[in-house]
C-alpha cells in the first residue's frame, strides 16, 4: 500500500471518526433540549397550580364574608352579674346604634308592624330597650333562649324606620344598665344592686 493510499485511508478514518462523534453528539442534542423543556413544563404547571391556588384562596375568602344577615345575640354570667349583648356590627349597611329609652315591665314582646305576639320568649318580666339603628334592611332576629338564672330569652322584635326594639325575657325584676359600644347594645343586670 502506498503512502498516498495510507493518507487517504487515515483521512477517511478520521473523517468517519469525526462523523461518528458528530453523529453521536447530534443524536444526543435532541435529548438535551428535552430535559431543558421538561423543567419549563413543570414550572408552567407549578405556575398554573399556584394561580389556581391563589384564585381558590381569594374565592374562598370572597365567599365567606365576615357578616351575617341577622343581628347577633349572646349572653353570659360574670360573677353575680349577667350580660346580654345585641350585636349589629356584623350587618352590612348598619352605621351606629343609639339607645333612646328602656323599661322593665310584664308586657310580652310583639313583632313590630304586625303586633303579633313573639312566640318562644320565656320569662315573667321583660326588659324593652328602644334604639335608633341605621339599618336600611330593617333586620330582626328570632328569639334566643339562655340557660341563665336571670336572662331567659332575647329577641330583636322590631326594626323599622330607623328605630328598633330589643327585648330580654327575665325570671324576675333586676337592677340593670344599658350601654352602647359601637354597634353593640350591652345590658348588665343583677338580682341585687349592680354596685356601680
C-alpha atoms as a PDB file:
ATOM      1  CA  UNK A   1       0.000   0.000   0.000  1.00  0.00           C
ATOM      2  CA  UNK A   2       1.415   3.366  -0.979  1.00  0.00           C
ATOM      3  CA  UNK A   3       1.855   6.325   1.253  1.00  0.00           C
ATOM      4  CA  UNK A   4      -0.846   8.164  -0.603  1.00  0.00           C
ATOM      5  CA  UNK A   5      -3.356   5.345  -0.031  1.00  0.00           C
ATOM      6  CA  UNK A   6      -2.380   5.251   3.607  1.00  0.00           C
ATOM      7  CA  UNK A   7      -3.005   9.012   3.907  1.00  0.00           C
ATOM      8  CA  UNK A   8      -6.405   8.753   2.212  1.00  0.00           C
ATOM      9  CA  UNK A   9      -7.304   5.823   4.401  1.00  0.00           C
ATOM     10  CA  UNK A  10      -6.167   7.700   7.512  1.00  0.00           C
ATOM     11  CA  UNK A  11      -8.037  10.817   6.419  1.00  0.00           C
ATOM     12  CA  UNK A  12     -11.144   8.761   5.696  1.00  0.00           C
ATOM     13  CA  UNK A  13     -10.894   7.055   9.065  1.00  0.00           C
ATOM     14  CA  UNK A  14     -10.522  10.411  10.775  1.00  0.00           C
ATOM     15  CA  UNK A  15     -13.492  11.750   8.837  1.00  0.00           C
ATOM     16  CA  UNK A  16     -15.541   8.721   9.800  1.00  0.00           C
ATOM     17  CA  UNK A  17     -14.488   9.109  13.401  1.00  0.00           C
ATOM     18  CA  UNK A  18     -15.393  12.792  13.315  1.00  0.00           C
ATOM     19  CA  UNK A  19     -18.678  11.979  11.659  1.00  0.00           C
ATOM     20  CA  UNK A  20     -19.366   9.295  14.258  1.00  0.00           C
ATOM     21  CA  UNK A  21     -18.523  11.690  17.078  1.00  0.00           C
ATOM     22  CA  UNK A  22     -20.646  14.410  15.488  1.00  0.00           C
ATOM     23  CA  UNK A  23     -23.418  11.926  14.861  1.00  0.00           C
ATOM     24  CA  UNK A  24     -23.348  10.831  18.483  1.00  0.00           C
ATOM     25  CA  UNK A  25     -23.436  14.378  19.717  1.00  0.00           C
ATOM     26  CA  UNK A  26     -26.084  15.234  17.123  1.00  0.00           C
ATOM     27  CA  UNK A  27     -28.086  12.280  18.356  1.00  0.00           C
ATOM     28  CA  UNK A  28     -27.606  13.447  21.912  1.00  0.00           C
ATOM     29  CA  UNK A  29     -28.662  17.017  21.126  1.00  0.00           C
ATOM     30  CA  UNK A  30     -32.395  16.294  20.942  1.00  0.00           C
ATOM     31  CA  UNK A  31     -32.088  14.636  24.338  1.00  0.00           C
ATOM     32  CA  UNK A  32     -30.539  17.799  25.811  1.00  0.00           C
ATOM     33  CA  UNK A  33     -33.404  20.124  24.888  1.00  0.00           C
ATOM     34  CA  UNK A  34     -35.898  17.629  26.260  1.00  0.00           C
ATOM     35  CA  UNK A  35     -34.592  17.985  29.819  1.00  0.00           C
ATOM     36  CA  UNK A  36     -34.495  21.759  29.316  1.00  0.00           C
ATOM     37  CA  UNK A  37     -38.085  21.640  28.048  1.00  0.00           C
ATOM     38  CA  UNK A  38     -39.301  19.389  30.850  1.00  0.00           C
ATOM     39  CA  UNK A  39     -38.405  21.806  33.677  1.00  0.00           C
ATOM     40  CA  UNK A  40     -40.145  24.598  31.768  1.00  0.00           C
ATOM     41  CA  UNK A  41     -43.293  22.484  31.598  1.00  0.00           C
ATOM     42  CA  UNK A  42     -43.022  21.713  35.292  1.00  0.00           C
ATOM     43  CA  UNK A  43     -42.586  25.411  36.036  1.00  0.00           C
ATOM     44  CA  UNK A  44     -45.596  26.353  33.964  1.00  0.00           C
ATOM     45  CA  UNK A  45     -47.647  23.617  35.633  1.00  0.00           C
ATOM     46  CA  UNK A  46     -46.479  24.904  39.010  1.00  0.00           C
ATOM     47  CA  UNK A  47     -47.404  28.444  37.961  1.00  0.00           C
ATOM     48  CA  UNK A  48     -50.844  27.287  36.899  1.00  0.00           C
ATOM     49  CA  UNK A  49     -51.215  25.403  40.170  1.00  0.00           C
ATOM     50  CA  UNK A  50     -50.121  28.476  42.109  1.00  0.00           C
ATOM     51  CA  UNK A  51     -52.525  30.638  40.147  1.00  0.00           C
ATOM     52  CA  UNK A  52     -55.423  28.304  40.744  1.00  0.00           C
ATOM     53  CA  UNK A  53     -54.487  28.001  44.427  1.00  0.00           C
ATOM     54  CA  UNK A  54     -54.396  31.779  44.683  1.00  0.00           C
ATOM     55  CA  UNK A  55     -57.722  32.004  42.847  1.00  0.00           C
ATOM     56  CA  UNK A  56     -59.265  29.368  45.115  1.00  0.00           C
ATOM     57  CA  UNK A  57     -57.927  31.155  48.149  1.00  0.00           C
ATOM     58  CA  UNK A  58     -59.281  34.526  47.035  1.00  0.00           C
ATOM     59  CA  UNK A  59     -62.596  32.965  46.019  1.00  0.00           C
ATOM     60  CA  UNK A  60     -62.997  31.201  49.351  1.00  0.00           C
ATOM     61  CA  UNK A  61     -62.251  34.395  51.259  1.00  0.00           C
ATOM     62  CA  UNK A  62     -64.706  36.213  48.988  1.00  0.00           C
ATOM     63  CA  UNK A  63     -67.359  33.543  49.509  1.00  0.00           C
ATOM     64  CA  UNK A  64     -67.015  33.669  53.300  1.00  0.00           C
ATOM     65  CA  UNK A  65     -67.525  37.337  54.216  1.00  0.00           C
ATOM     66  CA  UNK A  66     -67.456  38.336  57.831  1.00  0.00           C
ATOM     67  CA  UNK A  67     -71.039  39.425  58.095  1.00  0.00           C
ATOM     68  CA  UNK A  68     -74.416  37.988  58.964  1.00  0.00           C
ATOM     69  CA  UNK A  69     -77.958  38.595  57.841  1.00  0.00           C
ATOM     70  CA  UNK A  70     -79.464  38.968  61.330  1.00  0.00           C
ATOM     71  CA  UNK A  71     -78.481  40.854  64.474  1.00  0.00           C
ATOM     72  CA  UNK A  72     -76.480  38.676  66.850  1.00  0.00           C
ATOM     73  CA  UNK A  73     -77.482  37.966  70.453  1.00  0.00           C
ATOM     74  CA  UNK A  74     -75.446  36.331  73.196  1.00  0.00           C
ATOM     75  CA  UNK A  75     -75.498  36.103  76.969  1.00  0.00           C
ATOM     76  CA  UNK A  76     -73.095  35.292  79.759  1.00  0.00           C
ATOM     77  CA  UNK A  77     -72.621  35.246  83.520  1.00  0.00           C
ATOM     78  CA  UNK A  78     -69.899  37.370  85.140  1.00  0.00           C
ATOM     79  CA  UNK A  79     -69.753  36.721  88.885  1.00  0.00           C
ATOM     80  CA  UNK A  80     -73.039  37.958  90.394  1.00  0.00           C
ATOM     81  CA  UNK A  81     -73.987  39.747  87.185  1.00  0.00           C
ATOM     82  CA  UNK A  82     -75.381  38.612  83.893  1.00  0.00           C
ATOM     83  CA  UNK A  83     -74.914  40.210  80.494  1.00  0.00           C
ATOM     84  CA  UNK A  84     -76.880  40.150  77.254  1.00  0.00           C
ATOM     85  CA  UNK A  85     -75.376  41.651  74.106  1.00  0.00           C
ATOM     86  CA  UNK A  86     -77.283  42.635  70.978  1.00  0.00           C
ATOM     87  CA  UNK A  87     -74.750  42.870  68.168  1.00  0.00           C
ATOM     88  CA  UNK A  88     -75.469  44.777  64.936  1.00  0.00           C
ATOM     89  CA  UNK A  89     -71.780  45.069  63.947  1.00  0.00           C
ATOM     90  CA  UNK A  90     -71.827  42.099  61.540  1.00  0.00           C
ATOM     91  CA  UNK A  91     -74.637  43.587  59.456  1.00  0.00           C
ATOM     92  CA  UNK A  92     -73.698  45.321  56.221  1.00  0.00           C
ATOM     93  CA  UNK A  93     -75.011  48.867  55.961  1.00  0.00           C
ATOM     94  CA  UNK A  94     -75.515  49.397  59.703  1.00  0.00           C
ATOM     95  CA  UNK A  95     -73.917  52.592  60.885  1.00  0.00           C
ATOM     96  CA  UNK A  96     -74.476  53.235  64.558  1.00  0.00           C
ATOM     97  CA  UNK A  97     -76.889  52.365  67.340  1.00  0.00           C
ATOM     98  CA  UNK A  98     -78.211  54.782  69.947  1.00  0.00           C
ATOM     99  CA  UNK A  99     -80.369  53.919  72.980  1.00  0.00           C
ATOM    100  CA  UNK A 100     -83.481  56.093  73.200  1.00  0.00           C
ATOM    101  CA  UNK A 101     -85.338  54.546  76.142  1.00  0.00           C
ATOM    102  CA  UNK A 102     -85.790  51.335  78.158  1.00  0.00           C
ATOM    103  CA  UNK A 103     -88.357  49.951  80.561  1.00  0.00           C
ATOM    104  CA  UNK A 104     -88.874  46.842  82.668  1.00  0.00           C
ATOM    105  CA  UNK A 105     -92.444  45.522  82.858  1.00  0.00           C
ATOM    106  CA  UNK A 106     -94.582  42.389  82.444  1.00  0.00           C
ATOM    107  CA  UNK A 107     -95.603  43.120  78.837  1.00  0.00           C
ATOM    108  CA  UNK A 108     -94.619  40.324  76.461  1.00  0.00           C
ATOM    109  CA  UNK A 109     -92.960  41.466  73.244  1.00  0.00           C
ATOM    110  CA  UNK A 110     -94.806  41.690  69.933  1.00  0.00           C
ATOM    111  CA  UNK A 111     -93.480  41.766  66.390  1.00  0.00           C
ATOM    112  CA  UNK A 112     -93.229  45.340  65.160  1.00  0.00           C
ATOM    113  CA  UNK A 113     -95.662  46.202  62.416  1.00  0.00           C
ATOM    114  CA  UNK A 114     -97.965  43.191  62.837  1.00  0.00           C
ATOM    115  CA  UNK A 115     -98.408  43.382  66.603  1.00  0.00           C
ATOM    116  CA  UNK A 116     -98.416  39.563  66.757  1.00  0.00           C
ATOM    117  CA  UNK A 117     -97.022  38.056  69.990  1.00  0.00           C
ATOM    118  CA  UNK A 118     -93.425  36.814  69.778  1.00  0.00           C
ATOM    119  CA  UNK A 119     -93.610  33.037  70.249  1.00  0.00           C
ATOM    120  CA  UNK A 120     -90.726  31.332  72.060  1.00  0.00           C
ATOM    121  CA  UNK A 121     -89.930  34.058  74.602  1.00  0.00           C
ATOM    122  CA  UNK A 122     -89.567  32.867  78.185  1.00  0.00           C
ATOM    123  CA  UNK A 123     -89.648  34.926  81.366  1.00  0.00           C
ATOM    124  CA  UNK A 124     -92.113  36.680  83.659  1.00  0.00           C
ATOM    125  CA  UNK A 125     -90.625  40.181  83.336  1.00  0.00           C
ATOM    126  CA  UNK A 126     -89.470  41.831  80.121  1.00  0.00           C
ATOM    127  CA  UNK A 127     -86.855  44.499  79.601  1.00  0.00           C
ATOM    128  CA  UNK A 128     -87.725  46.520  76.480  1.00  0.00           C
ATOM    129  CA  UNK A 129     -84.907  48.599  75.002  1.00  0.00           C
ATOM    130  CA  UNK A 130     -85.781  51.128  72.302  1.00  0.00           C
ATOM    131  CA  UNK A 131     -82.965  52.140  69.978  1.00  0.00           C
ATOM    132  CA  UNK A 132     -82.193  54.216  66.941  1.00  0.00           C
ATOM    133  CA  UNK A 133     -80.478  51.913  64.471  1.00  0.00           C
ATOM    134  CA  UNK A 134     -79.336  52.848  60.982  1.00  0.00           C
ATOM    135  CA  UNK A 135     -80.186  49.522  59.324  1.00  0.00           C
ATOM    136  CA  UNK A 136     -81.528  50.066  55.803  1.00  0.00           C
ATOM    137  CA  UNK A 137     -82.649  46.417  55.592  1.00  0.00           C
ATOM    138  CA  UNK A 138     -84.647  46.542  58.883  1.00  0.00           C
ATOM    139  CA  UNK A 139     -83.463  43.129  60.105  1.00  0.00           C
ATOM    140  CA  UNK A 140     -84.922  41.398  63.158  1.00  0.00           C
ATOM    141  CA  UNK A 141     -83.795  38.230  64.984  1.00  0.00           C
ATOM    142  CA  UNK A 142     -85.842  35.264  66.149  1.00  0.00           C
ATOM    143  CA  UNK A 143     -85.963  34.603  69.908  1.00  0.00           C
ATOM    144  CA  UNK A 144     -82.919  33.017  71.528  1.00  0.00           C
ATOM    145  CA  UNK A 145     -83.133  31.224  74.873  1.00  0.00           C
ATOM    146  CA  UNK A 146     -80.425  31.259  77.534  1.00  0.00           C
ATOM    147  CA  UNK A 147     -79.930  28.871  80.441  1.00  0.00           C
ATOM    148  CA  UNK A 148     -79.100  31.633  82.915  1.00  0.00           C
ATOM    149  CA  UNK A 149     -80.733  32.373  86.276  1.00  0.00           C
ATOM    150  CA  UNK A 150     -81.982  35.859  85.250  1.00  0.00           C
ATOM    151  CA  UNK A 151     -81.820  36.266  81.454  1.00  0.00           C
ATOM    152  CA  UNK A 152     -84.033  33.580  79.949  1.00  0.00           C
ATOM    153  CA  UNK A 153     -84.501  34.804  76.370  1.00  0.00           C
ATOM    154  CA  UNK A 154     -83.968  37.716  73.988  1.00  0.00           C
ATOM    155  CA  UNK A 155     -85.289  38.947  70.662  1.00  0.00           C
ATOM    156  CA  UNK A 156     -84.900  41.828  68.210  1.00  0.00           C
ATOM    157  CA  UNK A 157     -88.645  42.176  67.648  1.00  0.00           C
ATOM    158  CA  UNK A 158     -88.832  45.486  65.810  1.00  0.00           C
ATOM    159  CA  UNK A 159     -86.516  47.286  63.425  1.00  0.00           C
ATOM    160  CA  UNK A 160     -88.295  49.767  61.218  1.00  0.00           C
ATOM    161  CA  UNK A 161     -87.985  53.361  60.059  1.00  0.00           C
ATOM    162  CA  UNK A 162     -84.678  53.876  61.878  1.00  0.00           C
ATOM    163  CA  UNK A 163     -85.867  52.619  65.268  1.00  0.00           C
ATOM    164  CA  UNK A 164     -85.875  49.192  66.861  1.00  0.00           C
ATOM    165  CA  UNK A 165     -86.983  47.282  69.929  1.00  0.00           C
ATOM    166  CA  UNK A 166     -84.809  44.731  71.703  1.00  0.00           C
ATOM    167  CA  UNK A 167     -86.442  42.632  74.425  1.00  0.00           C
ATOM    168  CA  UNK A 168     -84.969  40.438  77.161  1.00  0.00           C
ATOM    169  CA  UNK A 169     -87.143  37.897  78.972  1.00  0.00           C
ATOM    170  CA  UNK A 170     -86.247  37.713  82.695  1.00  0.00           C
ATOM    171  CA  UNK A 171     -87.077  35.354  85.545  1.00  0.00           C
ATOM    172  CA  UNK A 172     -87.586  38.304  87.924  1.00  0.00           C
ATOM    173  CA  UNK A 173     -87.100  42.044  88.248  1.00  0.00           C
ATOM    174  CA  UNK A 174     -83.448  43.159  88.036  1.00  0.00           C
ATOM    175  CA  UNK A 175     -81.195  46.136  88.561  1.00  0.00           C
ATOM    176  CA  UNK A 176     -79.675  46.833  85.146  1.00  0.00           C
ATOM    177  CA  UNK A 177     -77.706  49.214  82.973  1.00  0.00           C
ATOM    178  CA  UNK A 178     -77.773  49.638  79.186  1.00  0.00           C
ATOM    179  CA  UNK A 179     -74.552  50.593  77.390  1.00  0.00           C
ATOM    180  CA  UNK A 180     -73.622  51.110  73.743  1.00  0.00           C
ATOM    181  CA  UNK A 181     -70.248  50.183  72.240  1.00  0.00           C
ATOM    182  CA  UNK A 182     -70.186  50.882  68.505  1.00  0.00           C
ATOM    183  CA  UNK A 183     -72.996  48.786  67.024  1.00  0.00           C
ATOM    184  CA  UNK A 184     -73.443  46.683  70.185  1.00  0.00           C
ATOM    185  CA  UNK A 185     -76.050  47.201  72.906  1.00  0.00           C
ATOM    186  CA  UNK A 186     -74.795  45.695  76.176  1.00  0.00           C
ATOM    187  CA  UNK A 187     -77.146  45.062  79.093  1.00  0.00           C
ATOM    188  CA  UNK A 188     -75.614  44.253  82.500  1.00  0.00           C
ATOM    189  CA  UNK A 189     -78.020  43.060  85.180  1.00  0.00           C
ATOM    190  CA  UNK A 190     -78.157  41.683  88.689  1.00  0.00           C
ATOM    191  CA  UNK A 191     -80.812  40.392  91.079  1.00  0.00           C
ATOM    192  CA  UNK A 192     -79.420  42.844  93.679  1.00  0.00           C
ATOM    193  CA  UNK A 193     -77.852  46.259  93.141  1.00  0.00           C
ATOM    194  CA  UNK A 194     -75.216  46.411  90.409  1.00  0.00           C
ATOM    195  CA  UNK A 195     -72.951  48.394  92.722  1.00  0.00           C
ATOM    196  CA  UNK A 196     -71.903  50.995  90.177  1.00  0.00           C
END
